[in-house]
Structure formats: structure tokens, C-alpha cells
Amino acid sequence: VINALPTVNNPTDLTVCGNESVAAIVFSSPNSLATSYQW
């Protein structure tokens, strides 16, 4: 059984001002294989 390698969508780069809240960065897998992510 040869497992396909998981992939991750390239999250959108963010530009914010100092002291502003940054929305949560959400990771997703286009082939739905990824079960976890290390960052």
C-alpha cells in the first residue's frame, strides 16, 4: 500500500498593522489526506 503524500493549501499571506488582531490561520489539504500539520 503506497500512501499518497499529503499536501497543504498555501495559506494567504497577511499584512496587518501593529497592535491589530490577526485572524486565525487555517490549514487545509486539497487532497484531504493531511490529518495534522506541523508549523
Full PDB file with SEQRES, HELIX, SHEET, SSBOND, CRYST1, ORIGX, SCALE, CONECT and MASTER records, all heavy atoms in Angstrom:
SEQRES   1 A   39  VAL ILE ASN ALA LEU PRO THR VAL ASN ASN PRO THR ASP          
SEQRES   2 A   39  LEU THR VAL CYS GLY ASN GLU SER VAL ALA ALA ILE VAL          
SEQRES   3 A   39  PHE SER SER PRO ASN SER LEU ALA THR SER TYR GLN TRP          
CRYST1    1.000    1.000    1.000  90.00  90.00  90.00 P 1           1          
ORIGX1      1.000000  0.000000  0.000000        0.00000                         
ORIGX2      0.000000  1.000000  0.000000        0.00000                         
ORIGX3      0.000000  0.000000  1.000000        0.00000                         
SCALE1      1.000000  0.000000  0.000000        0.00000                         
SCALE2      0.000000  1.000000  0.000000        0.00000                         
SCALE3      0.000000  0.000000  1.000000        0.00000                         
ATOM      1  N   VAL A   1       0.876  -1.187   0.000  1.00  0.00           N  
ATOM      2  CA  VAL A   1       0.000   0.000   0.000  1.00  0.00           C  
ATOM      3  C   VAL A   1       0.901   1.221   0.000  1.00  0.00           C  
ATOM      4  O   VAL A   1       1.697   1.434   0.923  1.00  0.00           O  
ATOM      5  CB  VAL A   1      -0.930   0.027   1.222  1.00  0.00           C  
ATOM      6  CG1 VAL A   1      -1.765   1.306   1.201  1.00  0.00           C  
ATOM      7  CG2 VAL A   1      -1.809  -1.216   1.224  1.00  0.00           C  
ATOM      8  N   ILE A   2       0.808   1.908  -1.071  1.00  0.00           N  
ATOM      9  CA  ILE A   2       1.624   3.129  -1.184  1.00  0.00           C  
ATOM     10  C   ILE A   2       0.720   4.326  -0.925  1.00  0.00           C  
ATOM     11  O   ILE A   2      -0.195   4.623  -1.708  1.00  0.00           O  
ATOM     12  CB  ILE A   2       2.274   3.249  -2.568  1.00  0.00           C  
ATOM     13  CG1 ILE A   2       3.161   2.022  -2.833  1.00  0.00           C  
ATOM     14  CG2 ILE A   2       3.085   4.534  -2.697  1.00  0.00           C  
ATOM     15  CD1 ILE A   2       3.732   1.984  -4.220  1.00  0.00           C  
ATOM     16  N   ASN A   3       0.946   4.959   0.230  1.00  0.00           N  
ATOM     17  CA  ASN A   3       0.117   6.111   0.601  1.00  0.00           C  
ATOM     18  C   ASN A   3       0.533   7.334  -0.215  1.00  0.00           C  
ATOM     19  O   ASN A   3       1.720   7.612  -0.409  1.00  0.00           O  
ATOM     20  CB  ASN A   3       0.269   6.422   2.086  1.00  0.00           C  
ATOM     21  CG  ASN A   3      -0.286   5.306   2.968  1.00  0.00           C  
ATOM     22  OD1 ASN A   3      -1.317   4.710   2.638  1.00  0.00           O  
ATOM     23  ND2 ASN A   3       0.399   5.005   4.066  1.00  0.00           N  
ATOM     24  N   ALA A   4      -0.463   8.038  -0.681  1.00  0.00           N  
ATOM     25  CA  ALA A   4      -0.171   9.312  -1.360  1.00  0.00           C  
ATOM     26  C   ALA A   4       0.346  10.322  -0.351  1.00  0.00           C  
ATOM     27  O   ALA A   4      -0.041  10.325   0.834  1.00  0.00           O  
ATOM     28  CB  ALA A   4      -1.437   9.843  -2.035  1.00  0.00           C  
ATOM     29  N   LEU A   5       1.239  11.162  -0.799  1.00  0.00           N  
ATOM     30  CA  LEU A   5       1.754  12.200   0.115  1.00  0.00           C  
ATOM     31  C   LEU A   5       0.689  13.269   0.347  1.00  0.00           C  
ATOM     32  O   LEU A   5       0.027  13.722  -0.594  1.00  0.00           O  
ATOM     33  CB  LEU A   5       3.013  12.838  -0.479  1.00  0.00           C  
ATOM     34  CG  LEU A   5       4.263  11.952  -0.513  1.00  0.00           C  
ATOM     35  CD1 LEU A   5       5.392  12.701  -1.199  1.00  0.00           C  
ATOM     36  CD2 LEU A   5       4.656  11.522   0.896  1.00  0.00           C  
ATOM     37  N   PRO A   6       0.536  13.688   1.581  1.00  0.00           N  
ATOM     38  CA  PRO A   6      -0.436  14.757   1.845  1.00  0.00           C  
ATOM     39  C   PRO A   6       0.101  16.088   1.325  1.00  0.00           C  
ATOM     40  O   PRO A   6       1.307  16.294   1.186  1.00  0.00           O  
ATOM     41  CB  PRO A   6      -0.542  14.770   3.367  1.00  0.00           C  
ATOM     42  CG  PRO A   6       0.790  14.283   3.831  1.00  0.00           C  
ATOM     43  CD  PRO A   6       1.230  13.272   2.799  1.00  0.00           C  
ATOM     44  N   THR A   7      -0.816  16.950   0.992  1.00  0.00           N  
ATOM     45  CA  THR A   7      -0.452  18.312   0.578  1.00  0.00           C  
ATOM     46  C   THR A   7      -1.217  19.306   1.427  1.00  0.00           C  
ATOM     47  O   THR A   7      -2.171  18.967   2.128  1.00  0.00           O  
ATOM     48  CB  THR A   7      -0.773  18.550  -0.906  1.00  0.00           C  
ATOM     49  OG1 THR A   7      -2.168  18.311  -1.110  1.00  0.00           O  
ATOM     50  CG2 THR A   7       0.043  17.616  -1.800  1.00  0.00           C  
ATOM     51  N   VAL A   8      -0.785  20.585   1.356  1.00  0.00           N  
ATOM     52  CA  VAL A   8      -1.450  21.634   2.113  1.00  0.00           C  
ATOM     53  C   VAL A   8      -1.669  22.819   1.206  1.00  0.00           C  
ATOM     54  O   VAL A   8      -0.829  23.142   0.350  1.00  0.00           O  
ATOM     55  CB  VAL A   8      -0.609  22.051   3.345  1.00  0.00           C  
ATOM     56  CG1 VAL A   8       0.742  22.607   2.950  1.00  0.00           C  
ATOM     57  CG2 VAL A   8      -1.364  23.077   4.198  1.00  0.00           C  
ATOM     58  N   ASN A   9      -2.846  23.412   1.328  1.00  0.00           N  
ATOM     59  CA  ASN A   9      -3.080  24.637   0.583  1.00  0.00           C  
ATOM     60  C   ASN A   9      -2.122  25.723   1.065  1.00  0.00           C  
ATOM     61  O   ASN A   9      -1.822  25.821   2.264  1.00  0.00           O  
ATOM     62  CB  ASN A   9      -4.518  25.119   0.785  1.00  0.00           C  
ATOM     63  CG  ASN A   9      -5.512  24.291  -0.016  1.00  0.00           C  
ATOM     64  OD1 ASN A   9      -5.225  23.894  -1.150  1.00  0.00           O  
ATOM     65  ND2 ASN A   9      -6.671  24.028   0.564  1.00  0.00           N  
ATOM     66  N   ASN A  10      -1.669  26.521   0.150  1.00  0.00           N  
ATOM     67  CA  ASN A  10      -0.787  27.628   0.526  1.00  0.00           C  
ATOM     68  C   ASN A  10      -1.641  28.727   1.157  1.00  0.00           C  
ATOM     69  O   ASN A  10      -2.419  29.380   0.462  1.00  0.00           O  
ATOM     70  CB  ASN A  10      -0.049  28.155  -0.701  1.00  0.00           C  
ATOM     71  CG  ASN A  10       1.010  29.167  -0.314  1.00  0.00           C  
ATOM     72  OD1 ASN A  10       1.385  29.264   0.835  1.00  0.00           O  
ATOM     73  ND2 ASN A  10       1.472  29.920  -1.299  1.00  0.00           N  
ATOM     74  N   PRO A  11      -1.547  28.903   2.479  1.00  0.00           N  
ATOM     75  CA  PRO A  11      -2.395  29.933   3.102  1.00  0.00           C  
ATOM     76  C   PRO A  11      -2.074  31.322   2.537  1.00  0.00           C  
ATOM     77  O   PRO A  11      -0.972  31.583   2.059  1.00  0.00           O  
ATOM     78  CB  PRO A  11      -2.023  29.856   4.592  1.00  0.00           C  
ATOM     79  CG  PRO A  11      -1.397  28.515   4.760  1.00  0.00           C  
ATOM     80  CD  PRO A  11      -0.704  28.240   3.464  1.00  0.00           C  
ATOM     81  N   THR A  12      -3.045  32.206   2.585  1.00  0.00           N  
ATOM     82  CA  THR A  12      -2.871  33.559   2.049  1.00  0.00           C  
ATOM     83  C   THR A  12      -1.963  34.379   2.962  1.00  0.00           C  
ATOM     84  O   THR A  12      -2.122  34.390   4.191  1.00  0.00           O  
ATOM     85  CB  THR A  12      -4.231  34.269   1.930  1.00  0.00           C  
ATOM     86  OG1 THR A  12      -5.088  33.477   1.099  1.00  0.00           O  
ATOM     87  CG2 THR A  12      -4.066  35.656   1.331  1.00  0.00           C  
ATOM     88  N   ASP A  13      -0.989  35.040   2.329  1.00  0.00           N  
ATOM     89  CA  ASP A  13      -0.133  35.939   3.115  1.00  0.00           C  
ATOM     90  C   ASP A  13      -0.976  37.044   3.749  1.00  0.00           C  
ATOM     91  O   ASP A  13      -1.995  37.485   3.189  1.00  0.00           O  
ATOM     92  CB  ASP A  13       0.934  36.577   2.219  1.00  0.00           C  
ATOM     93  CG  ASP A  13       1.968  35.561   1.746  1.00  0.00           C  
ATOM     94  OD1 ASP A  13       2.058  34.488   2.365  1.00  0.00           O  
ATOM     95  OD2 ASP A  13       2.669  35.866   0.756  1.00  0.00           O  
ATOM     96  N   LEU A  14      -0.529  37.493   4.925  1.00  0.00           N  
ATOM     97  CA  LEU A  14      -1.276  38.505   5.677  1.00  0.00           C  
ATOM     98  C   LEU A  14      -0.439  39.771   5.845  1.00  0.00           C  
ATOM     99  O   LEU A  14       0.774  39.696   6.072  1.00  0.00           O  
ATOM    100  CB  LEU A  14      -1.649  37.980   7.065  1.00  0.00           C  
ATOM    101  CG  LEU A  14      -2.552  36.745   7.126  1.00  0.00           C  
ATOM    102  CD1 LEU A  14      -2.709  36.306   8.575  1.00  0.00           C  
ATOM    103  CD2 LEU A  14      -3.900  37.057   6.518  1.00  0.00           C  
ATOM    104  N   THR A  15      -1.095  40.913   5.735  1.00  0.00           N  
ATOM    105  CA  THR A  15      -0.468  42.198   6.054  1.00  0.00           C  
ATOM    106  C   THR A  15      -1.381  42.937   7.023  1.00  0.00           C  
ATOM    107  O   THR A  15      -2.563  43.166   6.728  1.00  0.00           O  
ATOM    108  CB  THR A  15      -0.246  43.057   4.796  1.00  0.00           C  
ATOM    109  OG1 THR A  15       0.631  42.361   3.906  1.00  0.00           O  
ATOM    110  CG2 THR A  15       0.388  44.395   5.159  1.00  0.00           C  
ATOM    111  N   VAL A  16      -0.834  43.282   8.193  1.00  0.00           N  
ATOM    112  CA  VAL A  16      -1.633  43.950   9.219  1.00  0.00           C  
ATOM    113  C   VAL A  16      -0.811  45.106   9.798  1.00  0.00           C  
ATOM    114  O   VAL A  16       0.380  45.253   9.523  1.00  0.00           O  
ATOM    115  CB  VAL A  16      -2.027  42.976  10.351  1.00  0.00           C  
ATOM    116  CG1 VAL A  16      -2.926  41.874   9.820  1.00  0.00           C  
ATOM    117  CG2 VAL A  16      -0.780  42.400  11.017  1.00  0.00           C  
ATOM    118  N   CYS A  17      -1.476  45.927  10.584  1.00  0.00           N  
ATOM    119  CA  CYS A  17      -0.797  46.998  11.321  1.00  0.00           C  
ATOM    120  C   CYS A  17      -0.474  46.522  12.723  1.00  0.00           C  
ATOM    121  O   CYS A  17      -1.144  45.621  13.263  1.00  0.00           O  
ATOM    122  CB  CYS A  17      -1.679  48.245  11.392  1.00  0.00           C  
ATOM    123  SG  CYS A  17      -1.978  49.032   9.788  1.00  0.00           S  
ATOM    124  N   GLY A  18       0.535  47.100  13.307  1.00  0.00           N  
ATOM    125  CA  GLY A  18       0.876  46.770  14.679  1.00  0.00           C  
ATOM    126  C   GLY A  18      -0.309  46.950  15.602  1.00  0.00           C  
ATOM    127  O   GLY A  18      -1.135  47.850  15.423  1.00  0.00           O  
ATOM    128  N   ASN A  19      -0.388  46.081  16.603  1.00  0.00           N  
ATOM    129  CA  ASN A  19      -1.462  46.107  17.604  1.00  0.00           C  
ATOM    130  C   ASN A  19      -2.822  45.720  17.037  1.00  0.00           C  
ATOM    131  O   ASN A  19      -3.839  45.903  17.706  1.00  0.00           O  
ATOM    132  CB  ASN A  19      -1.574  47.469  18.297  1.00  0.00           C  
ATOM    133  CG  ASN A  19      -0.412  47.739  19.226  1.00  0.00           C  
ATOM    134  OD1 ASN A  19       0.193  46.802  19.747  1.00  0.00           O  
ATOM    135  ND2 ASN A  19      -0.088  49.000  19.428  1.00  0.00           N  
ATOM    136  N   GLU A  20      -2.860  45.194  15.824  1.00  0.00           N  
ATOM    137  CA  GLU A  20      -4.129  44.719  15.272  1.00  0.00           C  
ATOM    138  C   GLU A  20      -4.246  43.207  15.479  1.00  0.00           C  
ATOM    139  O   GLU A  20      -3.249  42.492  15.475  1.00  0.00           O  
ATOM    140  CB  GLU A  20      -4.230  45.034  13.779  1.00  0.00           C  
ATOM    141  CG  GLU A  20      -4.478  46.494  13.473  1.00  0.00           C  
ATOM    142  CD  GLU A  20      -4.739  46.725  11.992  1.00  0.00           C  
ATOM    143  OE1 GLU A  20      -4.814  45.730  11.230  1.00  0.00           O  
ATOM    144  OE2 GLU A  20      -4.859  47.909  11.605  1.00  0.00           O  
ATOM    145  N   SER A  21      -5.486  42.755  15.609  1.00  0.00           N  
ATOM    146  CA  SER A  21      -5.720  41.315  15.758  1.00  0.00           C  
ATOM    147  C   SER A  21      -5.537  40.615  14.413  1.00  0.00           C  
ATOM    148  O   SER A  21      -5.928  41.132  13.363  1.00  0.00           O  
ATOM    149  CB  SER A  21      -7.134  41.054  16.274  1.00  0.00           C  
ATOM    150  OG  SER A  21      -7.266  41.551  17.585  1.00  0.00           O  
ATOM    151  N   VAL A  22      -4.917  39.450  14.481  1.00  0.00           N  
ATOM    152  CA  VAL A  22      -4.693  38.649  13.278  1.00  0.00           C  
ATOM    153  C   VAL A  22      -5.665  37.464  13.308  1.00  0.00           C  
ATOM    154  O   VAL A  22      -5.708  36.725  14.291  1.00  0.00           O  
ATOM    155  CB  VAL A  22      -3.234  38.151  13.223  1.00  0.00           C  
ATOM    156  CG1 VAL A  22      -3.024  37.253  12.007  1.00  0.00           C  
ATOM    157  CG2 VAL A  22      -2.272  39.335  13.185  1.00  0.00           C  
ATOM    158  N   ALA A  23      -6.440  37.355  12.239  1.00  0.00           N  
ATOM    159  CA  ALA A  23      -7.398  36.246  12.178  1.00  0.00           C  
ATOM    160  C   ALA A  23      -6.656  34.916  12.156  1.00  0.00           C  
ATOM    161  O   ALA A  23      -5.514  34.815  11.701  1.00  0.00           O  
ATOM    162  CB  ALA A  23      -8.270  36.386  10.931  1.00  0.00           C  
ATOM    163  N   ALA A  24      -7.306  33.872  12.669  1.00  0.00           N  
ATOM    164  CA  ALA A  24      -6.685  32.554  12.732  1.00  0.00           C  
ATOM    165  C   ALA A  24      -6.271  32.083  11.344  1.00  0.00           C  
ATOM    166  O   ALA A  24      -6.998  32.239  10.370  1.00  0.00           O  
ATOM    167  CB  ALA A  24      -7.650  31.559  13.354  1.00  0.00           C  
ATOM    168  N   ILE A  25      -5.060  31.535  11.272  1.00  0.00           N  
ATOM    169  CA  ILE A  25      -4.581  30.940  10.028  1.00  0.00           C  
ATOM    170  C   ILE A  25      -5.037  29.478  10.013  1.00  0.00           C  
ATOM    171  O   ILE A  25      -4.676  28.696  10.891  1.00  0.00           O  
ATOM    172  CB  ILE A  25      -3.052  31.018   9.943  1.00  0.00           C  
ATOM    173  CG1 ILE A  25      -2.605  32.491  10.023  1.00  0.00           C  
ATOM    174  CG2 ILE A  25      -2.552  30.380   8.665  1.00  0.00           C  
ATOM    175  CD1 ILE A  25      -1.109  32.645  10.139  1.00  0.00           C  
ATOM    176  N   VAL A  26      -5.850  29.126   9.038  1.00  0.00           N  
ATOM    177  CA  VAL A  26      -6.423  27.786   8.965  1.00  0.00           C  
ATOM    178  C   VAL A  26      -5.724  27.008   7.845  1.00  0.00           C  
ATOM    179  O   VAL A  26      -5.589  27.501   6.728  1.00  0.00           O  
ATOM    180  CB  VAL A  26      -7.938  27.833   8.701  1.00  0.00           C  
ATOM    181  CG1 VAL A  26      -8.510  26.412   8.586  1.00  0.00           C  
ATOM    182  CG2 VAL A  26      -8.630  28.626   9.817  1.00  0.00           C  
ATOM    183  N   PHE A  27      -5.292  25.761   8.167  1.00  0.00           N  
ATOM    184  CA  PHE A  27      -4.638  24.919   7.183  1.00  0.00           C  
ATOM    185  C   PHE A  27      -5.652  23.917   6.626  1.00  0.00           C  
ATOM    186  O   PHE A  27      -6.536  23.432   7.342  1.00  0.00           O  
ATOM    187  CB  PHE A  27      -3.477  24.149   7.827  1.00  0.00           C  
ATOM    188  CG  PHE A  27      -2.445  25.055   8.456  1.00  0.00           C  
ATOM    189  CD1 PHE A  27      -2.088  24.908   9.788  1.00  0.00           C  
ATOM    190  CD2 PHE A  27      -1.845  26.056   7.717  1.00  0.00           C  
ATOM    191  CE1 PHE A  27      -1.153  25.721  10.363  1.00  0.00           C  
ATOM    192  CE2 PHE A  27      -0.900  26.882   8.288  1.00  0.00           C  
ATOM    193  CZ  PHE A  27      -0.547  26.727   9.619  1.00  0.00           C  
ATOM    194  N   SER A  28      -5.502  23.634   5.351  1.00  0.00           N  
ATOM    195  CA  SER A  28      -6.369  22.608   4.739  1.00  0.00           C  
ATOM    196  C   SER A  28      -5.558  21.854   3.682  1.00  0.00           C  
ATOM    197  O   SER A  28      -4.550  22.352   3.187  1.00  0.00           O  
ATOM    198  CB  SER A  28      -7.606  23.257   4.100  1.00  0.00           C  
ATOM    199  OG  SER A  28      -7.225  24.142   3.052  1.00  0.00           O  
ATOM    200  N   SER A  29      -6.038  20.649   3.377  1.00  0.00           N  
ATOM    201  CA  SER A  29      -5.341  19.791   2.417  1.00  0.00           C  
ATOM    202  C   SER A  29      -6.210  19.631   1.179  1.00  0.00           C  
ATOM    203  O   SER A  29      -7.364  19.181   1.274  1.00  0.00           O  
ATOM    204  CB  SER A  29      -5.057  18.419   3.042  1.00  0.00           C  
ATOM    205  OG  SER A  29      -4.489  17.554   2.094  1.00  0.00           O  
ATOM    206  N   PRO A  30      -5.686  19.979   0.008  1.00  0.00           N  
ATOM    207  CA  PRO A  30      -6.525  19.869  -1.208  1.00  0.00           C  
ATOM    208  C   PRO A  30      -6.907  18.433  -1.530  1.00  0.00           C  
ATOM    209  O   PRO A  30      -7.952  18.190  -2.123  1.00  0.00           O  
ATOM    210  CB  PRO A  30      -5.644  20.481  -2.300  1.00  0.00           C  
ATOM    211  CG  PRO A  30      -4.240  20.369  -1.787  1.00  0.00           C  
ATOM    212  CD  PRO A  30      -4.352  20.503  -0.301  1.00  0.00           C  
ATOM    213  N   ASN A  31      -6.066  17.456  -1.172  1.00  0.00           N  
ATOM    214  CA  ASN A  31      -6.445  16.072  -1.426  1.00  0.00           C  
ATOM    215  C   ASN A  31      -6.999  15.371  -0.197  1.00  0.00           C  
ATOM    216  O   ASN A  31      -7.152  14.154  -0.174  1.00  0.00           O  
ATOM    217  CB  ASN A  31      -5.259  15.282  -1.977  1.00  0.00           C  
ATOM    218  CG  ASN A  31      -4.066  15.309  -1.028  1.00  0.00           C  
ATOM    219  OD1 ASN A  31      -4.181  15.802   0.100  1.00  0.00           O  
ATOM    220  ND2 ASN A  31      -2.936  14.767  -1.489  1.00  0.00           N  
ATOM    221  N   SER A  32      -7.266  16.206   0.804  1.00  0.00           N  
ATOM    222  CA  SER A  32      -7.913  15.727   2.045  1.00  0.00           C  
ATOM    223  C   SER A  32      -7.157  14.619   2.735  1.00  0.00           C  
ATOM    224  O   SER A  32      -7.729  13.825   3.494  1.00  0.00           O  
ATOM    225  CB  SER A  32      -9.362  15.269   1.768  1.00  0.00           C  
ATOM    226  OG  SER A  32     -10.110  16.329   1.225  1.00  0.00           O  
ATOM    227  N   LEU A  33      -5.879  14.468   2.448  1.00  0.00           N  
ATOM    228  CA  LEU A  33      -5.115  13.403   3.070  1.00  0.00           C  
ATOM    229  C   LEU A  33      -4.511  13.825   4.408  1.00  0.00           C  
ATOM    230  O   LEU A  33      -4.315  13.000   5.297  1.00  0.00           O  
ATOM    231  CB  LEU A  33      -4.004  12.944   2.120  1.00  0.00           C  
ATOM    232  CG  LEU A  33      -4.453  12.189   0.862  1.00  0.00           C  
ATOM    233  CD1 LEU A  33      -3.236  11.859   0.010  1.00  0.00           C  
ATOM    234  CD2 LEU A  33      -5.202  10.915   1.258  1.00  0.00           C  
ATOM    235  N   ALA A  34      -4.195  15.094   4.510  1.00  0.00           N  
ATOM    236  CA  ALA A  34      -3.486  15.547   5.715  1.00  0.00           C  
ATOM    237  C   ALA A  34      -4.386  15.409   6.936  1.00  0.00           C  
ATOM    238  O   ALA A  34      -5.567  15.773   6.921  1.00  0.00           O  
ATOM    239  CB  ALA A  34      -3.029  16.984   5.558  1.00  0.00           C  
ATOM    240  N   THR A  35      -3.838  14.801   7.950  1.00  0.00           N  
ATOM    241  CA  THR A  35      -4.575  14.669   9.210  1.00  0.00           C  
ATOM    242  C   THR A  35      -4.041  15.590  10.296  1.00  0.00           C  
ATOM    243  O   THR A  35      -4.693  15.788  11.321  1.00  0.00           O  
ATOM    244  CB  THR A  35      -4.496  13.214   9.706  1.00  0.00           C  
ATOM    245  OG1 THR A  35      -3.120  12.837   9.828  1.00  0.00           O  
ATOM    246  CG2 THR A  35      -5.197  12.278   8.715  1.00  0.00           C  
ATOM    247  N   SER A  36      -2.860  16.155  10.061  1.00  0.00           N  
ATOM    248  CA  SER A  36      -2.305  17.117  11.026  1.00  0.00           C  
ATOM    249  C   SER A  36      -1.251  17.953  10.315  1.00  0.00           C  
ATOM    250  O   SER A  36      -0.810  17.626   9.201  1.00  0.00           O  
ATOM    251  CB  SER A  36      -1.691  16.394  12.233  1.00  0.00           C  
ATOM    252  OG  SER A  36      -0.549  15.642  11.839  1.00  0.00           O  
ATOM    253  N   TYR A  37      -0.866  19.037  10.974  1.00  0.00           N  
ATOM    254  CA  TYR A  37       0.109  19.950  10.391  1.00  0.00           C  
ATOM    255  C   TYR A  37       1.091  20.376  11.469  1.00  0.00           C  
ATOM    256  O   TYR A  37       0.717  20.612  12.624  1.00  0.00           O  
ATOM    257  CB  TYR A  37      -0.589  21.201   9.835  1.00  0.00           C  
ATOM    258  CG  TYR A  37      -1.697  20.891   8.859  1.00  0.00           C  
ATOM    259  CD1 TYR A  37      -3.013  20.698   9.299  1.00  0.00           C  
ATOM    260  CD2 TYR A  37      -1.438  20.784   7.497  1.00  0.00           C  
ATOM    261  CE1 TYR A  37      -4.030  20.425   8.419  1.00  0.00           C  
ATOM    262  CE2 TYR A  37      -2.454  20.491   6.599  1.00  0.00           C  
ATOM    263  CZ  TYR A  37      -3.752  20.314   7.062  1.00  0.00           C  
ATOM    264  OH  TYR A  37      -4.762  20.036   6.184  1.00  0.00           O  
ATOM    265  N   GLN A  38       2.309  20.435  11.108  1.00  0.00           N  
ATOM    266  CA  GLN A  38       3.334  20.999  11.983  1.00  0.00           C  
ATOM    267  C   GLN A  38       3.756  22.342  11.399  1.00  0.00           C  
ATOM    268  O   GLN A  38       3.965  22.472  10.187  1.00  0.00           O  
ATOM    269  CB  GLN A  38       4.550  20.066  12.065  1.00  0.00           C  
ATOM    270  CG  GLN A  38       4.275  18.735  12.722  1.00  0.00           C  
ATOM    271  CD  GLN A  38       4.100  18.866  14.230  1.00  0.00           C  
ATOM    272  OE1 GLN A  38       4.681  19.745  14.844  1.00  0.00           O  
ATOM    273  NE2 GLN A  38       3.295  17.993  14.807  1.00  0.00           N  
ATOM    274  N   TRP A  39       3.880  23.338  12.253  1.00  0.00           N  
ATOM    275  CA  TRP A  39       4.296  24.658  11.749  1.00  0.00           C  
ATOM    276  C   TRP A  39       5.411  25.223  12.617  1.00  0.00           C  
ATOM    277  O   TRP A  39       5.542  24.896  13.804  1.00  0.00           O  
ATOM    278  CB  TRP A  39       3.119  25.636  11.687  1.00  0.00           C  
ATOM    279  CG  TRP A  39       2.372  25.813  12.996  1.00  0.00           C  
ATOM    280  CD1 TRP A  39       1.264  25.148  13.383  1.00  0.00           C  
ATOM    281  CD2 TRP A  39       2.711  26.692  14.068  1.00  0.00           C  
ATOM    282  NE1 TRP A  39       0.844  25.539  14.639  1.00  0.00           N  
ATOM    283  CE2 TRP A  39       1.735  26.518  15.079  1.00  0.00           C  
ATOM    284  CE3 TRP A  39       3.724  27.621  14.280  1.00  0.00           C  
ATOM    285  CZ2 TRP A  39       1.763  27.211  16.281  1.00  0.00           C  
ATOM    286  CZ3 TRP A  39       3.740  28.328  15.471  1.00  0.00           C  
ATOM    287  CH2 TRP A  39       2.769  28.120  16.453  1.00  0.00           C  
TER     288      TRP A  39                                                      
MASTER        0    0    0    0    0    0    0    6  287    1    0    3          
END                                                                             
